[in-house]
N, C-alpha and C. Protein backbone atom coordinates (compact mmCIF):
# COMPACT_ATOMS: atom_id res chain seq x y z
N UNK A 1 -6.22 13.04 1.40
CA UNK A 1 -6.46 11.62 1.66
C UNK A 1 -5.61 11.17 2.85
N UNK A 2 -6.18 10.31 3.65
CA UNK A 2 -5.42 9.64 4.72
C UNK A 2 -4.93 8.32 4.13
N UNK A 3 -3.60 8.22 4.03
CA UNK A 3 -3.01 7.07 3.35
C UNK A 3 -2.10 6.30 4.30
N UNK A 4 -2.36 5.02 4.44
CA UNK A 4 -1.50 4.14 5.23
C UNK A 4 -0.36 3.68 4.33
N UNK A 5 0.87 3.96 4.75
CA UNK A 5 2.07 3.51 4.05
C UNK A 5 2.66 2.34 4.82
N UNK A 6 2.76 1.20 4.17
CA UNK A 6 3.36 0.02 4.78
C UNK A 6 4.66 -0.24 4.02
N UNK A 7 5.77 0.23 4.59
CA UNK A 7 7.06 0.19 3.89
C UNK A 7 8.19 0.13 4.91
N UNK A 8 9.07 -0.87 4.78
CA UNK A 8 10.17 -1.02 5.74
C UNK A 8 11.46 -0.37 5.28
N UNK A 9 11.60 -0.04 4.02
CA UNK A 9 12.83 0.59 3.52
C UNK A 9 12.78 2.09 3.84
N UNK A 10 13.72 2.58 4.68
CA UNK A 10 13.67 3.99 5.09
C UNK A 10 13.75 4.98 3.93
N UNK A 11 14.53 4.69 2.91
CA UNK A 11 14.65 5.61 1.77
C UNK A 11 13.35 5.69 0.99
N UNK A 12 12.74 4.54 0.73
CA UNK A 12 11.47 4.53 -0.01
C UNK A 12 10.38 5.19 0.84
N UNK A 13 10.36 4.91 2.13
CA UNK A 13 9.37 5.52 3.03
C UNK A 13 9.47 7.04 3.00
N UNK A 14 10.69 7.56 3.02
CA UNK A 14 10.89 9.01 3.00
C UNK A 14 10.37 9.62 1.69
N UNK A 15 10.66 8.98 0.57
CA UNK A 15 10.16 9.45 -0.73
C UNK A 15 8.63 9.46 -0.73
N UNK A 16 8.03 8.39 -0.23
CA UNK A 16 6.57 8.31 -0.18
C UNK A 16 5.98 9.41 0.70
N UNK A 17 6.54 9.59 1.89
CA UNK A 17 6.03 10.61 2.80
C UNK A 17 6.14 12.00 2.18
N UNK A 18 7.28 12.30 1.57
CA UNK A 18 7.47 13.62 0.95
C UNK A 18 6.51 13.84 -0.21
N UNK A 19 6.42 12.87 -1.11
CA UNK A 19 5.56 13.02 -2.29
C UNK A 19 4.09 13.17 -1.90
N UNK A 20 3.64 12.34 -0.98
CA UNK A 20 2.23 12.41 -0.57
C UNK A 20 1.94 13.67 0.22
N UNK A 21 2.86 14.05 1.10
CA UNK A 21 2.70 15.28 1.89
C UNK A 21 2.66 16.51 1.00
N UNK A 22 3.55 16.58 0.03
CA UNK A 22 3.57 17.72 -0.90
C UNK A 22 2.30 17.82 -1.72
N UNK A 23 1.67 16.69 -1.97
CA UNK A 23 0.42 16.68 -2.74
C UNK A 23 -0.79 16.97 -1.87
N UNK A 24 -0.56 17.24 -0.58
CA UNK A 24 -1.65 17.60 0.32
C UNK A 24 -2.32 16.44 1.03
N UNK A 25 -1.71 15.27 0.96
CA UNK A 25 -2.28 14.09 1.61
C UNK A 25 -1.65 13.89 2.98
N UNK A 26 -2.27 13.04 3.79
CA UNK A 26 -1.80 12.76 5.15
C UNK A 26 -1.31 11.32 5.23
N UNK A 27 -0.01 11.09 4.98
CA UNK A 27 0.52 9.73 5.07
C UNK A 27 0.80 9.32 6.51
N UNK A 28 0.57 8.05 6.80
CA UNK A 28 0.88 7.47 8.11
C UNK A 28 1.72 6.24 7.85
N UNK A 29 2.95 6.24 8.33
CA UNK A 29 3.90 5.18 8.02
C UNK A 29 3.97 4.12 9.11
N UNK A 30 3.94 2.86 8.68
CA UNK A 30 4.25 1.72 9.54
C UNK A 30 5.30 0.89 8.81
N UNK A 31 6.20 0.26 9.58
CA UNK A 31 7.36 -0.38 8.96
C UNK A 31 7.42 -1.90 9.10
N UNK A 32 6.41 -2.51 9.75
CA UNK A 32 6.46 -3.96 9.91
C UNK A 32 5.05 -4.55 9.89
N UNK A 33 5.01 -5.86 9.78
CA UNK A 33 3.74 -6.58 9.67
C UNK A 33 2.81 -6.36 10.87
N UNK A 34 3.30 -6.54 12.12
CA UNK A 34 2.38 -6.36 13.25
C UNK A 34 1.78 -4.95 13.33
N UNK A 35 2.59 -3.93 13.07
CA UNK A 35 2.09 -2.55 13.11
C UNK A 35 1.08 -2.32 11.98
N UNK A 36 1.36 -2.88 10.83
CA UNK A 36 0.45 -2.72 9.69
C UNK A 36 -0.88 -3.41 9.96
N UNK A 37 -0.82 -4.60 10.50
CA UNK A 37 -2.06 -5.35 10.78
C UNK A 37 -2.94 -4.57 11.76
N UNK A 38 -2.33 -3.98 12.78
CA UNK A 38 -3.09 -3.17 13.74
C UNK A 38 -3.65 -1.92 13.07
N UNK A 39 -2.86 -1.27 12.23
CA UNK A 39 -3.29 -0.03 11.58
C UNK A 39 -4.42 -0.27 10.58
N UNK A 40 -4.48 -1.44 9.98
CA UNK A 40 -5.53 -1.73 9.00
C UNK A 40 -6.92 -1.72 9.62
N UNK A 41 -7.02 -1.86 10.92
CA UNK A 41 -8.31 -1.84 11.59
C UNK A 41 -8.95 -0.44 11.53
N UNK A 42 -8.11 0.59 11.35
CA UNK A 42 -8.61 1.96 11.23
C UNK A 42 -9.08 2.21 9.80
N UNK A 43 -9.77 3.32 9.62
CA UNK A 43 -10.26 3.68 8.29
C UNK A 43 -9.24 4.54 7.56
N UNK A 44 -8.93 4.14 6.33
CA UNK A 44 -7.99 4.85 5.48
C UNK A 44 -8.65 5.12 4.14
N UNK A 45 -8.21 6.17 3.49
CA UNK A 45 -8.69 6.44 2.13
C UNK A 45 -7.99 5.52 1.13
N UNK A 46 -6.74 5.14 1.44
CA UNK A 46 -5.98 4.24 0.57
C UNK A 46 -4.82 3.65 1.37
N UNK A 47 -4.26 2.57 0.81
CA UNK A 47 -3.11 1.89 1.42
C UNK A 47 -2.06 1.69 0.33
N UNK A 48 -0.80 2.01 0.66
CA UNK A 48 0.34 1.66 -0.19
C UNK A 48 1.05 0.55 0.55
N UNK A 49 1.17 -0.62 -0.09
CA UNK A 49 1.58 -1.83 0.59
C UNK A 49 2.81 -2.48 -0.05
N UNK A 50 3.87 -2.62 0.75
CA UNK A 50 5.04 -3.39 0.34
C UNK A 50 4.74 -4.86 0.64
N UNK A 51 5.40 -5.77 -0.08
CA UNK A 51 5.12 -7.19 0.13
C UNK A 51 6.08 -7.87 1.09
N UNK A 52 7.33 -7.48 1.09
CA UNK A 52 8.31 -8.07 2.00
C UNK A 52 8.46 -7.18 3.22
N UNK A 53 8.00 -7.69 4.36
CA UNK A 53 8.01 -6.89 5.59
C UNK A 53 8.61 -7.69 6.74
N UNK A 54 9.24 -7.00 7.68
CA UNK A 54 9.66 -7.69 8.90
C UNK A 54 8.44 -8.25 9.63
N UNK A 55 8.46 -9.52 9.93
CA UNK A 55 7.38 -10.13 10.71
C UNK A 55 6.24 -10.73 9.91
N UNK A 56 6.27 -10.62 8.58
CA UNK A 56 5.18 -11.20 7.82
C UNK A 56 5.16 -10.73 6.38
N UNK A 57 4.14 -11.17 5.65
CA UNK A 57 4.04 -10.89 4.22
C UNK A 57 2.92 -9.90 3.92
N UNK A 58 3.19 -9.01 2.98
CA UNK A 58 2.19 -8.04 2.57
C UNK A 58 0.94 -8.67 1.99
N UNK A 59 1.09 -9.78 1.28
CA UNK A 59 -0.10 -10.45 0.73
C UNK A 59 -1.02 -10.94 1.84
N UNK A 60 -0.45 -11.35 2.96
CA UNK A 60 -1.29 -11.75 4.10
C UNK A 60 -2.04 -10.56 4.67
N UNK A 61 -1.41 -9.38 4.64
CA UNK A 61 -2.10 -8.16 5.10
C UNK A 61 -3.26 -7.82 4.16
N UNK A 62 -3.02 -7.97 2.87
CA UNK A 62 -4.08 -7.69 1.90
C UNK A 62 -5.24 -8.68 2.08
N UNK A 63 -4.92 -9.94 2.28
CA UNK A 63 -5.94 -10.96 2.54
C UNK A 63 -6.73 -10.61 3.80
N UNK A 64 -6.03 -10.19 4.86
CA UNK A 64 -6.67 -9.79 6.12
C UNK A 64 -7.62 -8.61 5.89
N UNK A 65 -7.17 -7.62 5.15
CA UNK A 65 -7.98 -6.43 4.89
C UNK A 65 -9.26 -6.79 4.14
N UNK A 66 -9.15 -7.61 3.12
CA UNK A 66 -10.30 -7.94 2.28
C UNK A 66 -11.21 -9.00 2.90
N UNK A 67 -10.63 -10.08 3.38
CA UNK A 67 -11.44 -11.22 3.81
C UNK A 67 -11.87 -11.15 5.27
N UNK A 68 -10.96 -10.78 6.16
CA UNK A 68 -11.31 -10.76 7.59
C UNK A 68 -11.96 -9.45 8.01
N UNK A 69 -11.43 -8.33 7.52
CA UNK A 69 -12.00 -7.03 7.89
C UNK A 69 -13.11 -6.61 6.94
N UNK A 70 -13.16 -7.20 5.76
CA UNK A 70 -14.22 -6.90 4.79
C UNK A 70 -14.18 -5.47 4.26
N UNK A 71 -13.00 -4.88 4.18
CA UNK A 71 -12.88 -3.49 3.72
C UNK A 71 -12.51 -3.44 2.24
N UNK A 72 -13.04 -2.42 1.56
CA UNK A 72 -12.75 -2.24 0.14
C UNK A 72 -11.79 -1.07 -0.10
N UNK A 73 -11.02 -0.70 0.89
CA UNK A 73 -10.05 0.38 0.79
C UNK A 73 -9.14 0.15 -0.42
N UNK A 74 -8.95 1.16 -1.27
CA UNK A 74 -8.04 1.00 -2.41
C UNK A 74 -6.61 0.69 -1.93
N UNK A 75 -5.99 -0.30 -2.56
CA UNK A 75 -4.63 -0.72 -2.21
C UNK A 75 -3.77 -0.69 -3.47
N UNK A 76 -2.63 0.00 -3.35
CA UNK A 76 -1.62 -0.04 -4.40
C UNK A 76 -0.42 -0.78 -3.81
N UNK A 77 -0.08 -1.90 -4.40
CA UNK A 77 1.09 -2.65 -3.97
C UNK A 77 2.31 -2.01 -4.61
N UNK A 78 3.33 -1.77 -3.78
CA UNK A 78 4.59 -1.19 -4.23
C UNK A 78 5.69 -2.14 -3.77
N UNK A 79 6.28 -2.87 -4.71
CA UNK A 79 7.17 -3.94 -4.32
C UNK A 79 8.38 -4.05 -5.24
N UNK A 80 9.45 -4.57 -4.70
CA UNK A 80 10.62 -4.89 -5.49
C UNK A 80 10.48 -6.25 -6.17
N UNK A 81 9.44 -6.99 -5.81
CA UNK A 81 9.21 -8.31 -6.40
C UNK A 81 8.55 -8.15 -7.77
N UNK A 82 9.23 -8.59 -8.81
CA UNK A 82 8.74 -8.37 -10.16
C UNK A 82 8.13 -9.62 -10.80
N UNK A 83 8.07 -10.71 -10.06
CA UNK A 83 7.53 -11.95 -10.61
C UNK A 83 6.03 -11.81 -10.89
N UNK A 84 5.60 -12.36 -12.01
CA UNK A 84 4.19 -12.28 -12.40
C UNK A 84 3.27 -12.91 -11.37
N UNK A 85 3.72 -13.97 -10.72
CA UNK A 85 2.84 -14.64 -9.76
C UNK A 85 2.52 -13.73 -8.58
N UNK A 86 3.48 -12.90 -8.14
CA UNK A 86 3.21 -11.96 -7.05
C UNK A 86 2.18 -10.92 -7.48
N UNK A 87 2.35 -10.42 -8.69
CA UNK A 87 1.40 -9.44 -9.22
C UNK A 87 0.01 -10.07 -9.34
N UNK A 88 -0.05 -11.27 -9.89
CA UNK A 88 -1.33 -11.94 -10.07
C UNK A 88 -2.01 -12.20 -8.73
N UNK A 89 -1.24 -12.63 -7.74
CA UNK A 89 -1.81 -12.88 -6.41
C UNK A 89 -2.36 -11.60 -5.79
N UNK A 90 -1.58 -10.52 -5.88
CA UNK A 90 -2.02 -9.25 -5.30
C UNK A 90 -3.31 -8.77 -5.95
N UNK A 91 -3.38 -8.84 -7.26
CA UNK A 91 -4.58 -8.40 -7.96
C UNK A 91 -5.77 -9.32 -7.66
N UNK A 92 -5.52 -10.62 -7.56
CA UNK A 92 -6.59 -11.58 -7.23
C UNK A 92 -7.13 -11.34 -5.82
N UNK A 93 -6.27 -10.87 -4.92
CA UNK A 93 -6.70 -10.60 -3.55
C UNK A 93 -7.38 -9.23 -3.40
N UNK A 94 -7.41 -8.46 -4.48
CA UNK A 94 -8.15 -7.21 -4.44
C UNK A 94 -7.34 -5.94 -4.49
N UNK A 95 -6.04 -6.02 -4.78
CA UNK A 95 -5.27 -4.79 -4.97
C UNK A 95 -5.74 -4.11 -6.24
N UNK A 96 -5.77 -2.78 -6.24
CA UNK A 96 -6.18 -2.05 -7.43
C UNK A 96 -5.05 -1.91 -8.44
N UNK A 97 -3.80 -1.90 -7.95
CA UNK A 97 -2.65 -1.73 -8.84
C UNK A 97 -1.42 -2.33 -8.21
N UNK A 98 -0.42 -2.61 -9.06
CA UNK A 98 0.85 -3.20 -8.62
C UNK A 98 1.97 -2.44 -9.31
N UNK A 99 2.76 -1.72 -8.54
CA UNK A 99 3.92 -1.00 -9.06
C UNK A 99 5.19 -1.67 -8.56
N UNK A 100 6.19 -1.71 -9.42
CA UNK A 100 7.47 -2.27 -8.99
C UNK A 100 8.46 -1.14 -8.73
N UNK A 101 9.39 -1.41 -7.82
CA UNK A 101 10.45 -0.47 -7.50
C UNK A 101 11.60 -0.69 -8.48
N UNK A 102 12.27 0.34 -8.93
CA UNK A 102 12.01 1.75 -8.63
C UNK A 102 10.70 2.21 -9.28
N UNK A 103 10.11 3.25 -8.72
CA UNK A 103 8.79 3.69 -9.16
C UNK A 103 8.80 5.20 -9.34
N UNK A 104 7.76 5.68 -10.01
CA UNK A 104 7.55 7.11 -10.19
C UNK A 104 6.57 7.60 -9.13
N UNK A 105 7.00 8.51 -8.23
CA UNK A 105 6.05 9.04 -7.25
C UNK A 105 4.82 9.67 -7.91
N UNK A 106 5.02 10.31 -9.06
CA UNK A 106 3.88 10.92 -9.76
C UNK A 106 2.88 9.88 -10.23
N UNK A 107 3.38 8.77 -10.74
CA UNK A 107 2.49 7.69 -11.18
C UNK A 107 1.73 7.11 -9.99
N UNK A 108 2.41 6.93 -8.87
CA UNK A 108 1.76 6.42 -7.67
C UNK A 108 0.65 7.36 -7.22
N UNK A 109 0.92 8.66 -7.21
CA UNK A 109 -0.10 9.64 -6.81
C UNK A 109 -1.32 9.57 -7.72
N UNK A 110 -1.09 9.49 -9.02
CA UNK A 110 -2.21 9.41 -9.97
C UNK A 110 -3.05 8.17 -9.72
N UNK A 111 -2.39 7.04 -9.49
CA UNK A 111 -3.12 5.79 -9.21
C UNK A 111 -3.96 5.92 -7.95
N UNK A 112 -3.36 6.41 -6.88
CA UNK A 112 -4.09 6.57 -5.62
C UNK A 112 -5.30 7.49 -5.79
N UNK A 113 -5.07 8.64 -6.40
CA UNK A 113 -6.16 9.60 -6.56
C UNK A 113 -7.27 9.04 -7.44
N UNK A 114 -6.90 8.33 -8.51
CA UNK A 114 -7.91 7.75 -9.40
C UNK A 114 -8.76 6.69 -8.68
N UNK A 115 -8.10 5.82 -7.92
CA UNK A 115 -8.85 4.74 -7.26
C UNK A 115 -9.67 5.24 -6.08
N UNK A 116 -9.20 6.26 -5.39
CA UNK A 116 -10.01 6.82 -4.30
C UNK A 116 -11.22 7.55 -4.87
N UNK A 117 -11.03 8.28 -5.97
CA UNK A 117 -12.15 9.00 -6.59
C UNK A 117 -13.21 8.03 -7.12
N UNK A 118 -12.79 6.83 -7.52
CA UNK A 118 -13.71 5.84 -8.09
C UNK A 118 -14.56 5.14 -7.04
N UNK A 119 -14.21 5.30 -5.78
CA UNK A 119 -14.96 4.62 -4.71
C UNK A 119 -16.35 5.15 -4.54
């Protein structure tokens, strides 16, 4: 799978890249809102999306992907924000799943693979 990783924390980004790479996937990392917005114009099998980003909000990226670009790419939100309203907003905007940090790389892989296979 070609997976867009939108994550500004270097430690979390490294874990994601290693886990996805070891599972045979092709992760592409972007670390800020402007880079993510540009990358969303390309075709991805899935997106892993952080909510707090330099230069903007992850929920705005999700809104852009669904409403402006009209894409149904599976999105798993991976965030340190544990408030129910953030989870509810992400799911209402079309995210397939919402994981909070710290997270299990294995659980993330299973979610991504399940949602991509369901497309």
